[in-house]
N, C-alpha and C. Protein backbone atom coordinates (compact mmCIF):
# COMPACT_ATOMS: atom_id res chain seq x y z
N UNK A 1 9.57 25.41 -34.06
CA UNK A 1 9.06 26.74 -34.31
C UNK A 1 10.17 27.58 -34.94
N UNK A 2 9.74 28.42 -35.83
CA UNK A 2 10.71 29.19 -36.61
C UNK A 2 10.96 30.57 -36.02
N UNK A 3 11.98 31.20 -36.52
CA UNK A 3 12.30 32.57 -36.12
C UNK A 3 11.14 33.50 -36.46
N UNK A 4 10.50 33.28 -37.58
CA UNK A 4 9.37 34.12 -38.00
C UNK A 4 8.21 34.01 -37.02
N UNK A 5 7.97 32.79 -36.51
CA UNK A 5 6.91 32.61 -35.52
C UNK A 5 7.17 33.48 -34.30
N UNK A 6 8.39 33.44 -33.78
CA UNK A 6 8.72 34.23 -32.59
C UNK A 6 8.65 35.72 -32.86
N UNK A 7 9.04 36.11 -34.06
CA UNK A 7 8.95 37.52 -34.44
C UNK A 7 7.50 37.98 -34.43
N UNK A 8 6.63 37.22 -35.07
CA UNK A 8 5.22 37.60 -35.14
C UNK A 8 4.55 37.52 -33.77
N UNK A 9 4.88 36.50 -32.99
CA UNK A 9 4.32 36.38 -31.64
C UNK A 9 4.76 37.57 -30.78
N UNK A 10 6.02 37.96 -30.92
CA UNK A 10 6.51 39.13 -30.19
C UNK A 10 5.78 40.40 -30.61
N UNK A 11 5.51 40.53 -31.91
CA UNK A 11 4.75 41.69 -32.39
C UNK A 11 3.35 41.74 -31.78
N UNK A 12 2.70 40.59 -31.75
CA UNK A 12 1.36 40.53 -31.16
C UNK A 12 1.41 40.91 -29.68
N UNK A 13 2.40 40.40 -28.97
CA UNK A 13 2.51 40.70 -27.53
C UNK A 13 2.78 42.18 -27.28
N UNK A 14 3.64 42.80 -28.07
CA UNK A 14 3.92 44.21 -27.84
C UNK A 14 2.70 45.08 -28.18
N UNK A 15 1.96 44.69 -29.20
CA UNK A 15 0.74 45.42 -29.54
C UNK A 15 -0.27 45.29 -28.39
N UNK A 16 -0.45 44.06 -27.92
CA UNK A 16 -1.37 43.83 -26.81
C UNK A 16 -0.96 44.64 -25.57
N UNK A 17 0.32 44.60 -25.23
CA UNK A 17 0.82 45.33 -24.06
C UNK A 17 0.62 46.84 -24.23
N UNK A 18 0.84 47.36 -25.44
CA UNK A 18 0.65 48.79 -25.69
C UNK A 18 -0.81 49.18 -25.54
N UNK A 19 -1.71 48.34 -26.00
CA UNK A 19 -3.15 48.62 -25.86
C UNK A 19 -3.54 48.62 -24.39
N UNK A 20 -3.12 47.60 -23.65
CA UNK A 20 -3.44 47.52 -22.23
C UNK A 20 -2.87 48.71 -21.47
N UNK A 21 -1.64 49.08 -21.76
CA UNK A 21 -1.01 50.22 -21.07
C UNK A 21 -1.74 51.52 -21.39
N UNK A 22 -2.12 51.71 -22.64
CA UNK A 22 -2.82 52.94 -23.03
C UNK A 22 -4.20 53.00 -22.39
N UNK A 23 -4.91 51.88 -22.39
CA UNK A 23 -6.23 51.85 -21.74
C UNK A 23 -6.09 52.09 -20.24
N UNK A 24 -5.04 51.58 -19.63
CA UNK A 24 -4.80 51.82 -18.20
C UNK A 24 -4.66 53.31 -17.91
N UNK A 25 -3.94 54.02 -18.76
CA UNK A 25 -3.80 55.47 -18.60
C UNK A 25 -5.16 56.15 -18.73
N UNK A 26 -5.94 55.74 -19.70
CA UNK A 26 -7.26 56.33 -19.91
C UNK A 26 -8.16 56.07 -18.70
N UNK A 27 -8.17 54.85 -18.20
CA UNK A 27 -9.00 54.52 -17.04
C UNK A 27 -8.54 55.31 -15.82
N UNK A 28 -7.23 55.38 -15.60
CA UNK A 28 -6.70 56.10 -14.43
C UNK A 28 -6.98 57.60 -14.54
N UNK A 29 -7.07 58.11 -15.76
CA UNK A 29 -7.33 59.54 -15.93
C UNK A 29 -8.76 59.91 -15.53
N UNK A 30 -9.61 58.93 -15.34
CA UNK A 30 -11.00 59.19 -14.97
C UNK A 30 -11.20 59.35 -13.47
N UNK A 31 -10.16 59.15 -12.69
CA UNK A 31 -10.23 59.36 -11.23
C UNK A 31 -9.38 60.58 -10.89
N UNK A 32 -9.43 61.02 -9.67
CA UNK A 32 -8.67 62.20 -9.24
C UNK A 32 -7.23 61.80 -8.87
N UNK A 33 -6.50 61.36 -9.88
CA UNK A 33 -5.15 60.85 -9.68
C UNK A 33 -4.18 61.92 -9.20
N UNK A 34 -4.43 63.16 -9.49
CA UNK A 34 -3.52 64.25 -9.16
C UNK A 34 -3.57 64.65 -7.69
N UNK A 35 -4.52 64.10 -6.94
CA UNK A 35 -4.70 64.52 -5.55
C UNK A 35 -3.78 63.82 -4.57
N UNK A 36 -3.16 62.74 -4.97
CA UNK A 36 -2.24 62.05 -4.06
C UNK A 36 -0.90 61.82 -4.74
N UNK A 37 0.11 61.69 -3.92
CA UNK A 37 1.45 61.43 -4.46
C UNK A 37 1.47 60.12 -5.22
N UNK A 38 0.83 59.08 -4.68
CA UNK A 38 0.83 57.79 -5.36
C UNK A 38 0.01 57.85 -6.64
N UNK A 39 -1.08 58.59 -6.64
CA UNK A 39 -1.87 58.75 -7.86
C UNK A 39 -1.08 59.42 -8.96
N UNK A 40 -0.35 60.46 -8.60
CA UNK A 40 0.50 61.16 -9.59
C UNK A 40 1.60 60.23 -10.10
N UNK A 41 2.18 59.47 -9.18
CA UNK A 41 3.23 58.55 -9.59
C UNK A 41 2.68 57.47 -10.53
N UNK A 42 1.54 56.90 -10.16
CA UNK A 42 0.97 55.86 -11.02
C UNK A 42 0.66 56.39 -12.41
N UNK A 43 0.13 57.60 -12.50
CA UNK A 43 -0.17 58.16 -13.82
C UNK A 43 1.12 58.36 -14.61
N UNK A 44 2.14 58.91 -13.98
CA UNK A 44 3.42 59.12 -14.68
C UNK A 44 4.03 57.78 -15.10
N UNK A 45 4.02 56.82 -14.21
CA UNK A 45 4.60 55.51 -14.50
C UNK A 45 3.86 54.82 -15.64
N UNK A 46 2.54 54.78 -15.55
CA UNK A 46 1.75 54.14 -16.60
C UNK A 46 1.89 54.88 -17.92
N UNK A 47 1.96 56.21 -17.87
CA UNK A 47 2.11 56.99 -19.10
C UNK A 47 3.42 56.72 -19.80
N UNK A 48 4.49 56.65 -19.02
CA UNK A 48 5.81 56.36 -19.60
C UNK A 48 5.85 54.95 -20.17
N UNK A 49 5.29 53.99 -19.43
CA UNK A 49 5.26 52.61 -19.93
C UNK A 49 4.45 52.52 -21.22
N UNK A 50 3.31 53.20 -21.26
CA UNK A 50 2.49 53.19 -22.47
C UNK A 50 3.25 53.82 -23.64
N UNK A 51 3.93 54.92 -23.37
CA UNK A 51 4.68 55.60 -24.44
C UNK A 51 5.79 54.71 -24.99
N UNK A 52 6.51 54.02 -24.11
CA UNK A 52 7.58 53.12 -24.55
C UNK A 52 7.00 51.98 -25.40
N UNK A 53 5.89 51.42 -24.95
CA UNK A 53 5.29 50.31 -25.69
C UNK A 53 4.73 50.77 -27.04
N UNK A 54 4.11 51.94 -27.06
CA UNK A 54 3.61 52.48 -28.33
C UNK A 54 4.78 52.74 -29.28
N UNK A 55 5.90 53.22 -28.76
CA UNK A 55 7.09 53.38 -29.60
C UNK A 55 7.51 52.06 -30.23
N UNK A 56 7.45 51.01 -29.43
CA UNK A 56 7.80 49.69 -29.96
C UNK A 56 6.87 49.27 -31.09
N UNK A 57 5.59 49.57 -30.95
CA UNK A 57 4.63 49.24 -32.00
C UNK A 57 4.92 50.06 -33.25
N UNK A 58 5.16 51.36 -33.06
CA UNK A 58 5.46 52.23 -34.21
C UNK A 58 6.70 51.71 -34.95
N UNK A 59 7.73 51.38 -34.21
CA UNK A 59 8.97 50.89 -34.84
C UNK A 59 8.73 49.57 -35.58
N UNK A 60 7.85 48.74 -35.05
CA UNK A 60 7.53 47.47 -35.70
C UNK A 60 6.96 47.70 -37.09
N UNK A 61 6.12 48.73 -37.22
CA UNK A 61 5.42 48.94 -38.48
C UNK A 61 6.12 49.90 -39.45
N UNK A 62 6.83 50.90 -38.92
CA UNK A 62 7.43 51.88 -39.83
C UNK A 62 8.94 51.82 -39.90
N UNK A 63 9.54 51.06 -39.01
CA UNK A 63 11.00 51.01 -39.00
C UNK A 63 11.57 52.17 -38.20
N UNK A 64 12.81 52.46 -38.43
CA UNK A 64 13.51 53.47 -37.65
C UNK A 64 13.86 54.65 -38.55
N UNK A 65 12.99 55.64 -38.56
CA UNK A 65 13.20 56.84 -39.34
C UNK A 65 13.90 57.89 -38.49
N UNK A 66 14.41 58.96 -39.10
CA UNK A 66 15.20 59.96 -38.37
C UNK A 66 14.41 60.59 -37.21
N UNK A 67 13.14 60.90 -37.43
CA UNK A 67 12.35 61.56 -36.40
C UNK A 67 12.01 60.60 -35.26
N UNK A 68 12.05 59.31 -35.55
CA UNK A 68 11.77 58.31 -34.52
C UNK A 68 12.82 58.38 -33.41
N UNK A 69 14.07 58.61 -33.78
CA UNK A 69 15.14 58.71 -32.78
C UNK A 69 14.91 59.87 -31.82
N UNK A 70 14.42 61.00 -32.33
CA UNK A 70 14.13 62.15 -31.47
C UNK A 70 12.98 61.83 -30.51
N UNK A 71 11.92 61.25 -31.03
CA UNK A 71 10.78 60.90 -30.17
C UNK A 71 11.20 59.86 -29.13
N UNK A 72 12.00 58.89 -29.56
CA UNK A 72 12.50 57.86 -28.64
C UNK A 72 13.32 58.49 -27.51
N UNK A 73 14.18 59.43 -27.84
CA UNK A 73 14.99 60.11 -26.84
C UNK A 73 14.09 60.83 -25.83
N UNK A 74 13.10 61.54 -26.32
CA UNK A 74 12.19 62.29 -25.43
C UNK A 74 11.42 61.35 -24.52
N UNK A 75 10.89 60.27 -25.08
CA UNK A 75 10.13 59.31 -24.27
C UNK A 75 11.02 58.67 -23.22
N UNK A 76 12.23 58.30 -23.61
CA UNK A 76 13.11 57.62 -22.66
C UNK A 76 13.70 58.55 -21.60
N UNK A 77 13.54 59.85 -21.74
CA UNK A 77 13.88 60.74 -20.64
C UNK A 77 12.99 60.46 -19.43
N UNK A 78 11.76 60.07 -19.69
CA UNK A 78 10.81 59.80 -18.61
C UNK A 78 11.06 58.51 -17.86
N UNK A 79 11.67 57.53 -18.50
CA UNK A 79 11.85 56.22 -17.86
C UNK A 79 12.70 56.32 -16.59
N UNK A 80 13.92 56.86 -16.64
CA UNK A 80 14.69 56.93 -15.40
C UNK A 80 14.04 57.85 -14.37
N UNK A 81 13.31 58.85 -14.82
CA UNK A 81 12.64 59.76 -13.88
C UNK A 81 11.59 59.01 -13.06
N UNK A 82 10.71 58.26 -13.72
CA UNK A 82 9.67 57.56 -12.96
C UNK A 82 10.24 56.37 -12.19
N UNK A 83 11.28 55.75 -12.71
CA UNK A 83 11.91 54.65 -11.96
C UNK A 83 12.58 55.17 -10.70
N UNK A 84 13.24 56.32 -10.79
CA UNK A 84 13.86 56.93 -9.61
C UNK A 84 12.81 57.33 -8.60
N UNK A 85 11.70 57.89 -9.07
CA UNK A 85 10.61 58.28 -8.17
C UNK A 85 10.03 57.05 -7.48
N UNK A 86 9.84 55.96 -8.22
CA UNK A 86 9.31 54.73 -7.63
C UNK A 86 10.27 54.21 -6.56
N UNK A 87 11.57 54.23 -6.83
CA UNK A 87 12.55 53.78 -5.85
C UNK A 87 12.48 54.65 -4.60
N UNK A 88 12.36 55.95 -4.78
CA UNK A 88 12.26 56.88 -3.64
C UNK A 88 11.01 56.56 -2.82
N UNK A 89 9.88 56.30 -3.48
CA UNK A 89 8.66 55.96 -2.75
C UNK A 89 8.82 54.66 -1.98
N UNK A 90 9.51 53.69 -2.55
CA UNK A 90 9.74 52.42 -1.86
C UNK A 90 10.61 52.61 -0.62
N UNK A 91 11.70 53.36 -0.76
CA UNK A 91 12.59 53.61 0.37
C UNK A 91 11.85 54.39 1.45
N UNK A 92 11.09 55.39 1.05
CA UNK A 92 10.31 56.20 1.99
C UNK A 92 9.32 55.32 2.76
N UNK A 93 8.62 54.44 2.05
CA UNK A 93 7.66 53.55 2.71
C UNK A 93 8.34 52.61 3.68
N UNK A 94 9.52 52.09 3.31
CA UNK A 94 10.24 51.20 4.22
C UNK A 94 10.71 51.93 5.46
N UNK A 95 11.15 53.17 5.29
CA UNK A 95 11.58 53.96 6.45
C UNK A 95 10.41 54.25 7.37
N UNK A 96 9.26 54.59 6.79
CA UNK A 96 8.08 54.86 7.61
C UNK A 96 7.65 53.60 8.36
N UNK A 97 7.73 52.46 7.70
CA UNK A 97 7.39 51.20 8.34
C UNK A 97 8.36 50.90 9.48
N UNK A 98 9.63 51.18 9.27
CA UNK A 98 10.63 50.93 10.31
C UNK A 98 10.39 51.82 11.53
N UNK A 99 9.95 53.06 11.30
CA UNK A 99 9.72 54.00 12.41
C UNK A 99 8.45 53.66 13.17
N UNK A 100 7.43 53.17 12.51
CA UNK A 100 6.17 52.88 13.19
C UNK A 100 6.13 51.48 13.77
N UNK A 101 6.98 50.60 13.23
CA UNK A 101 6.99 49.22 13.70
C UNK A 101 5.91 48.37 13.08
N UNK A 102 5.01 48.98 12.32
CA UNK A 102 3.93 48.22 11.69
C UNK A 102 4.44 47.55 10.44
N UNK A 103 4.02 46.34 10.23
CA UNK A 103 4.40 45.61 9.01
C UNK A 103 3.15 44.89 8.52
N UNK A 104 2.91 44.88 7.21
CA UNK A 104 1.69 44.30 6.71
C UNK A 104 1.50 42.80 7.00
N UNK A 105 2.59 42.11 7.34
CA UNK A 105 2.44 40.67 7.65
C UNK A 105 2.15 40.45 9.13
N UNK A 106 2.21 41.49 9.93
CA UNK A 106 1.95 41.36 11.35
C UNK A 106 0.46 41.61 11.59
N UNK A 107 -0.15 40.79 12.43
CA UNK A 107 -1.57 40.97 12.74
C UNK A 107 -1.74 42.29 13.47
N UNK A 108 -2.51 43.20 12.87
CA UNK A 108 -2.71 44.51 13.49
C UNK A 108 -4.02 44.59 14.25
N UNK A 109 -4.64 43.43 14.52
CA UNK A 109 -5.85 43.40 15.33
C UNK A 109 -7.13 43.68 14.57
N UNK A 110 -7.03 43.94 13.29
CA UNK A 110 -8.24 44.20 12.49
C UNK A 110 -8.93 42.89 12.14
N UNK A 111 -10.23 42.90 12.22
CA UNK A 111 -11.01 41.73 11.84
C UNK A 111 -11.27 41.74 10.35
N UNK A 112 -11.23 40.59 9.72
CA UNK A 112 -11.48 40.48 8.28
C UNK A 112 -12.95 40.60 7.99
């Protein structure tokens, strides 16, 4: 397989991923995502992922123009923000689990 094959296959994959990510944001926007902390986080996380992937598609087709760098900078401001929020949610959930003693792998007496 040639370098060109991998380049084109990568282009197809990034386009597919950008479409899936964008549709995910649209689908999630149809529910009351703003009412819960996790809903807000999921919308922000999916939105940032979609924006990054769409940037990749744009760069694939138009190259790297001067205004692209500005848009890229703005979009990538969101990446560490949502990643930090996700880490905080994970730590918070682990602390809550440690305080309650409940763990999802432990039988909590519920019938399937």
